[in-house]
Amino acid sequence: QQVYIVGNINNKVPIVHYGGEDRDNLPGGKTEPGETIDETIHREALEELNCSVESWVPLGYQECTQEDGRVLYQLRVA
């Protein structure tokens, strides 16, 4: 349901700073309805980094259980 990108731009891992908020994070976000993981990765890289993705590999995932019992999955890719 979400994907986070551990990228490589000139041998540096890009981090996104969210203006007005005191937090930084890996680029990424939620998968839109009907969107594949590949489409999400490409869209989020373009939206948050203004970059294209040449290739990617899965690193792993995190299972997050919400207070209401719903389970969400966050994929990590490089």
PDB file of N, CA and C in Angstrom:
ATOM      1  N   GLN A   1       0.804  -1.202   0.000  1.00  0.00           N
ATOM      2  CA  GLN A   1       0.000   0.000   0.000  1.00  0.00           C
ATOM      3  C   GLN A   1       0.842   1.258   0.000  1.00  0.00           C
ATOM      4  N   GLN A   2       2.127   1.102   0.351  1.00  0.00           N
ATOM      5  CA  GLN A   2       3.058   2.222   0.294  1.00  0.00           C
ATOM      6  C   GLN A   2       4.406   1.703  -0.173  1.00  0.00           C
ATOM      7  N   VAL A   3       5.189   2.609  -0.737  1.00  0.00           N
ATOM      8  CA  VAL A   3       6.537   2.249  -1.171  1.00  0.00           C
ATOM      9  C   VAL A   3       7.489   3.379  -0.777  1.00  0.00           C
ATOM     10  N   TYR A   4       8.670   3.000  -0.331  1.00  0.00           N
ATOM     11  CA  TYR A   4       9.712   3.962  -0.002  1.00  0.00           C
ATOM     12  C   TYR A   4      10.970   3.600  -0.778  1.00  0.00           C
ATOM     13  N   ILE A   5      11.650   4.621  -1.306  1.00  0.00           N
ATOM     14  CA  ILE A   5      12.750   4.423  -2.236  1.00  0.00           C
ATOM     15  C   ILE A   5      14.081   4.794  -1.579  1.00  0.00           C
ATOM     16  N   VAL A   6      15.002   3.836  -1.541  1.00  0.00           N
ATOM     17  CA  VAL A   6      16.378   4.106  -1.128  1.00  0.00           C
ATOM     18  C   VAL A   6      17.142   4.307  -2.430  1.00  0.00           C
ATOM     19  N   GLY A   7      17.277   5.551  -2.839  1.00  0.00           N
ATOM     20  CA  GLY A   7      17.832   5.861  -4.149  1.00  0.00           C
ATOM     21  C   GLY A   7      19.325   6.088  -4.135  1.00  0.00           C
ATOM     22  N   ASN A   8      19.842   6.360  -5.314  1.00  0.00           N
ATOM     23  CA  ASN A   8      21.257   6.660  -5.481  1.00  0.00           C
ATOM     24  C   ASN A   8      21.366   7.758  -6.533  1.00  0.00           C
ATOM     25  N   ILE A   9      21.648   8.967  -6.066  1.00  0.00           N
ATOM     26  CA  ILE A   9      21.867  10.092  -6.976  1.00  0.00           C
ATOM     27  C   ILE A   9      23.276  10.599  -6.700  1.00  0.00           C
ATOM     28  N   ASN A  10      24.158  10.389  -7.647  1.00  0.00           N
ATOM     29  CA  ASN A  10      25.568  10.777  -7.480  1.00  0.00           C
ATOM     30  C   ASN A  10      26.161  10.180  -6.202  1.00  0.00           C
ATOM     31  N   ASN A  11      25.863   8.901  -5.983  1.00  0.00           N
ATOM     32  CA  ASN A  11      26.357   8.154  -4.819  1.00  0.00           C
ATOM     33  C   ASN A  11      25.854   8.694  -3.481  1.00  0.00           C
ATOM     34  N   LYS A  12      24.709   9.359  -3.492  1.00  0.00           N
ATOM     35  CA  LYS A  12      24.073   9.849  -2.269  1.00  0.00           C
ATOM     36  C   LYS A  12      22.630   9.359  -2.221  1.00  0.00           C
ATOM     37  N   VAL A  13      22.152   9.062  -1.016  1.00  0.00           N
ATOM     38  CA  VAL A  13      20.762   8.635  -0.830  1.00  0.00           C
ATOM     39  C   VAL A  13      19.899   9.882  -0.656  1.00  0.00           C
ATOM     40  N   PRO A  14      18.950  10.113  -1.571  1.00  0.00           N
ATOM     41  CA  PRO A  14      18.107  11.305  -1.445  1.00  0.00           C
ATOM     42  C   PRO A  14      17.093  11.164  -0.307  1.00  0.00           C
ATOM     43  N   ILE A  15      16.941  12.251   0.422  1.00  0.00           N
ATOM     44  CA  ILE A  15      15.972  12.344   1.507  1.00  0.00           C
ATOM     45  C   ILE A  15      15.063  13.526   1.197  1.00  0.00           C
ATOM     46  N   VAL A  16      13.776  13.392   1.498  1.00  0.00           N
ATOM     47  CA  VAL A  16      12.808  14.451   1.235  1.00  0.00           C
ATOM     48  C   VAL A  16      12.538  15.204   2.537  1.00  0.00           C
ATOM     49  N   HIS A  17      12.632  16.527   2.473  1.00  0.00           N
ATOM     50  CA  HIS A  17      12.252  17.362   3.616  1.00  0.00           C
ATOM     51  C   HIS A  17      10.872  17.922   3.320  1.00  0.00           C
ATOM     52  N   TYR A  18       9.950  17.689   4.226  1.00  0.00           N
ATOM     53  CA  TYR A  18       8.578  18.164   4.053  1.00  0.00           C
ATOM     54  C   TYR A  18       8.472  19.546   4.655  1.00  0.00           C
ATOM     55  N   GLY A  19       8.325  20.563   3.798  1.00  0.00           N
ATOM     56  CA  GLY A  19       8.271  21.955   4.240  1.00  0.00           C
ATOM     57  C   GLY A  19       7.193  22.192   5.282  1.00  0.00           C
ATOM     58  N   GLY A  20       7.535  22.970   6.290  1.00  0.00           N
ATOM     59  CA  GLY A  20       6.589  23.288   7.348  1.00  0.00           C
ATOM     60  C   GLY A  20       6.494  22.210   8.407  1.00  0.00           C
ATOM     61  N   GLU A  21       7.024  21.056   8.125  1.00  0.00           N
ATOM     62  CA  GLU A  21       7.024  19.964   9.086  1.00  0.00           C
ATOM     63  C   GLU A  21       8.462  19.684   9.482  1.00  0.00           C
ATOM     64  N   ASP A  22       8.669  19.312  10.715  1.00  0.00           N
ATOM     65  CA  ASP A  22      10.017  19.046  11.183  1.00  0.00           C
ATOM     66  C   ASP A  22      10.329  17.568  11.025  1.00  0.00           C
ATOM     67  N   ARG A  23      10.325  17.105   9.771  1.00  0.00           N
ATOM     68  CA  ARG A  23      10.642  15.700   9.533  1.00  0.00           C
ATOM     69  C   ARG A  23      11.170  15.511   8.123  1.00  0.00           C
ATOM     70  N   ASP A  24      12.037  14.535   8.009  1.00  0.00           N
ATOM     71  CA  ASP A  24      12.592  14.124   6.728  1.00  0.00           C
ATOM     72  C   ASP A  24      12.281  12.642   6.563  1.00  0.00           C
ATOM     73  N   ASN A  25      12.251  12.186   5.331  1.00  0.00           N
ATOM     74  CA  ASN A  25      11.931  10.782   5.088  1.00  0.00           C
ATOM     75  C   ASN A  25      12.478  10.375   3.729  1.00  0.00           C
ATOM     76  N   LEU A  26      12.498   9.085   3.502  1.00  0.00           N
ATOM     77  CA  LEU A  26      12.799   8.582   2.173  1.00  0.00           C
ATOM     78  C   LEU A  26      11.674   8.996   1.232  1.00  0.00           C
ATOM     79  N   PRO A  27      11.975   9.211  -0.043  1.00  0.00           N
ATOM     80  CA  PRO A  27      10.910   9.512  -0.988  1.00  0.00           C
ATOM     81  C   PRO A  27      10.001   8.295  -1.152  1.00  0.00           C
ATOM     82  N   GLY A  28       8.742   8.569  -1.394  1.00  0.00           N
ATOM     83  CA  GLY A  28       7.783   7.487  -1.605  1.00  0.00           C
ATOM     84  C   GLY A  28       6.404   7.907  -1.154  1.00  0.00           C
ATOM     85  N   GLY A  29       5.499   6.959  -1.166  1.00  0.00           N
ATOM     86  CA  GLY A  29       4.133   7.255  -0.752  1.00  0.00           C
ATOM     87  C   GLY A  29       3.187   6.121  -1.079  1.00  0.00           C
ATOM     88  N   LYS A  30       1.907   6.463  -1.048  1.00  0.00           N
ATOM     89  CA  LYS A  30       0.851   5.468  -1.233  1.00  0.00           C
ATOM     90  C   LYS A  30       0.663   5.096  -2.698  1.00  0.00           C
ATOM     91  N   THR A  31       0.285   3.848  -2.902  1.00  0.00           N
ATOM     92  CA  THR A  31      -0.092   3.371  -4.224  1.00  0.00           C
ATOM     93  C   THR A  31      -1.503   3.869  -4.529  1.00  0.00           C
ATOM     94  N   GLU A  32      -1.673   4.508  -5.674  1.00  0.00           N
ATOM     95  CA  GLU A  32      -2.981   5.010  -6.093  1.00  0.00           C
ATOM     96  C   GLU A  32      -3.853   3.837  -6.554  1.00  0.00           C
ATOM     97  N   PRO A  33      -5.185   3.980  -6.471  1.00  0.00           N
ATOM     98  CA  PRO A  33      -6.073   2.906  -6.922  1.00  0.00           C
ATOM     99  C   PRO A  33      -5.767   2.503  -8.368  1.00  0.00           C
ATOM    100  N   GLY A  34      -5.611   1.212  -8.609  1.00  0.00           N
ATOM    101  CA  GLY A  34      -5.351   0.681  -9.943  1.00  0.00           C
ATOM    102  C   GLY A  34      -3.901   0.794 -10.388  1.00  0.00           C
ATOM    103  N   GLU A  35      -3.037   1.327  -9.532  1.00  0.00           N
ATOM    104  CA  GLU A  35      -1.643   1.543  -9.885  1.00  0.00           C
ATOM    105  C   GLU A  35      -0.797   0.348  -9.439  1.00  0.00           C
ATOM    106  N   THR A  36       0.172  -0.040 -10.262  1.00  0.00           N
ATOM    107  CA  THR A  36       1.097  -1.111  -9.889  1.00  0.00           C
ATOM    108  C   THR A  36       2.215  -0.538  -9.018  1.00  0.00           C
ATOM    109  N   ILE A  37       2.960  -1.407  -8.362  1.00  0.00           N
ATOM    110  CA  ILE A  37       4.104  -0.972  -7.568  1.00  0.00           C
ATOM    111  C   ILE A  37       5.112  -0.254  -8.461  1.00  0.00           C
ATOM    112  N   ASP A  38       5.367  -0.797  -9.640  1.00  0.00           N
ATOM    113  CA  ASP A  38       6.303  -0.168 -10.567  1.00  0.00           C
ATOM    114  C   ASP A  38       5.844   1.243 -10.916  1.00  0.00           C
ATOM    115  N   GLU A  39       4.590   1.423 -11.200  1.00  0.00           N
ATOM    116  CA  GLU A  39       4.053   2.753 -11.518  1.00  0.00           C
ATOM    117  C   GLU A  39       4.183   3.693 -10.323  1.00  0.00           C
ATOM    118  N   THR A  40       3.938   3.183  -9.112  1.00  0.00           N
ATOM    119  CA  THR A  40       4.067   4.000  -7.905  1.00  0.00           C
ATOM    120  C   THR A  40       5.500   4.476  -7.727  1.00  0.00           C
ATOM    121  N   ILE A  41       6.464   3.583  -7.894  1.00  0.00           N
ATOM    122  CA  ILE A  41       7.877   3.931  -7.734  1.00  0.00           C
ATOM    123  C   ILE A  41       8.266   5.037  -8.717  1.00  0.00           C
ATOM    124  N   HIS A  42       7.888   4.872  -9.971  1.00  0.00           N
ATOM    125  CA  HIS A  42       8.232   5.871 -10.988  1.00  0.00           C
ATOM    126  C   HIS A  42       7.540   7.205 -10.714  1.00  0.00           C
ATOM    127  N   ARG A  43       6.274   7.165 -10.342  1.00  0.00           N
ATOM    128  CA  ARG A  43       5.524   8.408 -10.070  1.00  0.00           C
ATOM    129  C   ARG A  43       6.091   9.143  -8.863  1.00  0.00           C
ATOM    130  N   GLU A  44       6.336   8.413  -7.776  1.00  0.00           N
ATOM    131  CA  GLU A  44       6.836   9.056  -6.559  1.00  0.00           C
ATOM    132  C   GLU A  44       8.237   9.641  -6.771  1.00  0.00           C
ATOM    133  N   ALA A  45       9.101   8.961  -7.514  1.00  0.00           N
ATOM    134  CA  ALA A  45      10.435   9.499  -7.800  1.00  0.00           C
ATOM    135  C   ALA A  45      10.331  10.795  -8.596  1.00  0.00           C
ATOM    136  N   LEU A  46       9.409  10.830  -9.539  1.00  0.00           N
ATOM    137  CA  LEU A  46       9.229  12.039 -10.342  1.00  0.00           C
ATOM    138  C   LEU A  46       8.632  13.161  -9.491  1.00  0.00           C
ATOM    139  N   GLU A  47       7.594  12.856  -8.708  1.00  0.00           N
ATOM    140  CA  GLU A  47       6.927  13.870  -7.890  1.00  0.00           C
ATOM    141  C   GLU A  47       7.845  14.442  -6.800  1.00  0.00           C
ATOM    142  N   GLU A  48       8.557  13.584  -6.106  1.00  0.00           N
ATOM    143  CA  GLU A  48       9.295  14.031  -4.929  1.00  0.00           C
ATOM    144  C   GLU A  48      10.757  14.372  -5.202  1.00  0.00           C
ATOM    145  N   LEU A  49      11.333  13.823  -6.267  1.00  0.00           N
ATOM    146  CA  LEU A  49      12.743  14.069  -6.552  1.00  0.00           C
ATOM    147  C   LEU A  49      12.987  14.698  -7.916  1.00  0.00           C
ATOM    148  N   ASN A  50      11.940  14.767  -8.733  1.00  0.00           N
ATOM    149  CA  ASN A  50      12.078  15.218 -10.119  1.00  0.00           C
ATOM    150  C   ASN A  50      13.136  14.376 -10.838  1.00  0.00           C
ATOM    151  N   CYS A  51      13.095  13.061 -10.592  1.00  0.00           N
ATOM    152  CA  CYS A  51      14.043  12.114 -11.179  1.00  0.00           C
ATOM    153  C   CYS A  51      13.302  10.953 -11.815  1.00  0.00           C
ATOM    154  N   SER A  52      13.971  10.308 -12.744  1.00  0.00           N
ATOM    155  CA  SER A  52      13.420   9.079 -13.315  1.00  0.00           C
ATOM    156  C   SER A  52      14.139   7.891 -12.684  1.00  0.00           C
ATOM    157  N   VAL A  53      13.506   6.733 -12.744  1.00  0.00           N
ATOM    158  CA  VAL A  53      14.057   5.500 -12.186  1.00  0.00           C
ATOM    159  C   VAL A  53      14.563   4.647 -13.341  1.00  0.00           C
ATOM    160  N   GLU A  54      15.834   4.301 -13.305  1.00  0.00           N
ATOM    161  CA  GLU A  54      16.405   3.446 -14.344  1.00  0.00           C
ATOM    162  C   GLU A  54      16.050   1.993 -14.097  1.00  0.00           C
ATOM    163  N   SER A  55      16.172   1.566 -12.867  1.00  0.00           N
ATOM    164  CA  SER A  55      15.820   0.198 -12.478  1.00  0.00           C
ATOM    165  C   SER A  55      15.643   0.175 -10.966  1.00  0.00           C
ATOM    166  N   TRP A  56      14.996  -0.855 -10.471  1.00  0.00           N
ATOM    167  CA  TRP A  56      14.829  -0.981  -9.026  1.00  0.00           C
ATOM    168  C   TRP A  56      14.790  -2.451  -8.637  1.00  0.00           C
ATOM    169  N   VAL A  57      15.123  -2.699  -7.368  1.00  0.00           N
ATOM    170  CA  VAL A  57      15.054  -4.041  -6.799  1.00  0.00           C
ATOM    171  C   VAL A  57      14.391  -3.942  -5.436  1.00  0.00           C
ATOM    172  N   PRO A  58      13.617  -4.958  -5.053  1.00  0.00           N
ATOM    173  CA  PRO A  58      13.004  -4.927  -3.722  1.00  0.00           C
ATOM    174  C   PRO A  58      14.050  -5.189  -2.638  1.00  0.00           C
ATOM    175  N   LEU A  59      13.942  -4.471  -1.531  1.00  0.00           N
ATOM    176  CA  LEU A  59      14.810  -4.681  -0.377  1.00  0.00           C
ATOM    177  C   LEU A  59      14.100  -5.468   0.718  1.00  0.00           C
ATOM    178  N   GLY A  60      12.815  -5.234   0.845  1.00  0.00           N
ATOM    179  CA  GLY A  60      12.026  -5.887   1.887  1.00  0.00           C
ATOM    180  C   GLY A  60      10.745  -5.097   2.113  1.00  0.00           C
ATOM    181  N   TYR A  61      10.027  -5.481   3.154  1.00  0.00           N
ATOM    182  CA  TYR A  61       8.789  -4.766   3.450  1.00  0.00           C
ATOM    183  C   TYR A  61       8.589  -4.691   4.955  1.00  0.00           C
ATOM    184  N   GLN A  62       7.740  -3.762   5.351  1.00  0.00           N
ATOM    185  CA  GLN A  62       7.372  -3.599   6.747  1.00  0.00           C
ATOM    186  C   GLN A  62       5.872  -3.815   6.858  1.00  0.00           C
ATOM    187  N   GLU A  63       5.465  -4.615   7.821  1.00  0.00           N
ATOM    188  CA  GLU A  63       4.052  -4.856   8.083  1.00  0.00           C
ATOM    189  C   GLU A  63       3.641  -3.956   9.242  1.00  0.00           C
ATOM    190  N   CYS A  64       2.660  -3.103   9.017  1.00  0.00           N
ATOM    191  CA  CYS A  64       2.210  -2.143  10.026  1.00  0.00           C
ATOM    192  C   CYS A  64       0.767  -2.450  10.411  1.00  0.00           C
ATOM    193  N   THR A  65       0.523  -2.738  11.680  1.00  0.00           N
ATOM    194  CA  THR A  65      -0.827  -2.990  12.162  1.00  0.00           C
ATOM    195  C   THR A  65      -1.391  -1.706  12.754  1.00  0.00           C
ATOM    196  N   GLN A  66      -2.504  -1.265  12.200  1.00  0.00           N
ATOM    197  CA  GLN A  66      -3.151  -0.039  12.653  1.00  0.00           C
ATOM    198  C   GLN A  66      -3.935  -0.300  13.938  1.00  0.00           C
ATOM    199  N   GLU A  67      -4.321   0.767  14.630  1.00  0.00           N
ATOM    200  CA  GLU A  67      -5.087   0.626  15.878  1.00  0.00           C
ATOM    201  C   GLU A  67      -6.395  -0.123  15.670  1.00  0.00           C
ATOM    202  N   ASP A  68      -6.991   0.003  14.480  1.00  0.00           N
ATOM    203  CA  ASP A  68      -8.262  -0.679  14.202  1.00  0.00           C
ATOM    204  C   ASP A  68      -8.062  -2.122  13.737  1.00  0.00           C
ATOM    205  N   GLY A  69      -6.801  -2.590  13.731  1.00  0.00           N
ATOM    206  CA  GLY A  69      -6.517  -3.965  13.353  1.00  0.00           C
ATOM    207  C   GLY A  69      -6.154  -4.170  11.897  1.00  0.00           C
ATOM    208  N   ARG A  70      -6.347  -3.139  11.071  1.00  0.00           N
ATOM    209  CA  ARG A  70      -5.965  -3.261   9.656  1.00  0.00           C
ATOM    210  C   ARG A  70      -4.461  -3.413   9.540  1.00  0.00           C
ATOM    211  N   VAL A  71      -4.036  -4.224   8.587  1.00  0.00           N
ATOM    212  CA  VAL A  71      -2.607  -4.424   8.342  1.00  0.00           C
ATOM    213  C   VAL A  71      -2.249  -3.747   7.031  1.00  0.00           C
ATOM    214  N   LEU A  72      -1.243  -2.882   7.082  1.00  0.00           N
ATOM    215  CA  LEU A  72      -0.747  -2.187   5.906  1.00  0.00           C
ATOM    216  C   LEU A  72       0.676  -2.668   5.631  1.00  0.00           C
ATOM    217  N   TYR A  73       1.055  -2.688   4.368  1.00  0.00           N
ATOM    218  CA  TYR A  73       2.393  -3.131   3.984  1.00  0.00           C
ATOM    219  C   TYR A  73       3.126  -1.982   3.299  1.00  0.00           C
ATOM    220  N   GLN A  74       4.368  -1.759   3.707  1.00  0.00           N
ATOM    221  CA  GLN A  74       5.217  -0.744   3.113  1.00  0.00           C
ATOM    222  C   GLN A  74       6.420  -1.436   2.492  1.00  0.00           C
ATOM    223  N   LEU A  75       6.540  -1.324   1.186  1.00  0.00           N
ATOM    224  CA  LEU A  75       7.642  -1.928   0.445  1.00  0.00           C
ATOM    225  C   LEU A  75       8.833  -0.977   0.427  1.00  0.00           C
ATOM    226  N   ARG A  76      10.037  -1.522   0.602  1.00  0.00           N
ATOM    227  CA  ARG A  76      11.269  -0.746   0.480  1.00  0.00           C
ATOM    228  C   ARG A  76      12.000  -1.232  -0.759  1.00  0.00           C
ATOM    229  N   VAL A  77      12.412  -0.287  -1.611  1.00  0.00           N
ATOM    230  CA  VAL A  77      13.108  -0.645  -2.840  1.00  0.00           C
ATOM    231  C   VAL A  77      14.384   0.179  -2.975  1.00  0.00           C
ATOM    232  N   ALA A  78      15.311  -0.316  -3.771  1.00  0.00           N
ATOM    233  CA  ALA A  78      16.551   0.423  -4.076  1.00  0.00           C
ATOM    234  C   ALA A  78      16.675   0.561  -5.569  1.00  0.00           C
TER     235      ALA A  78
END
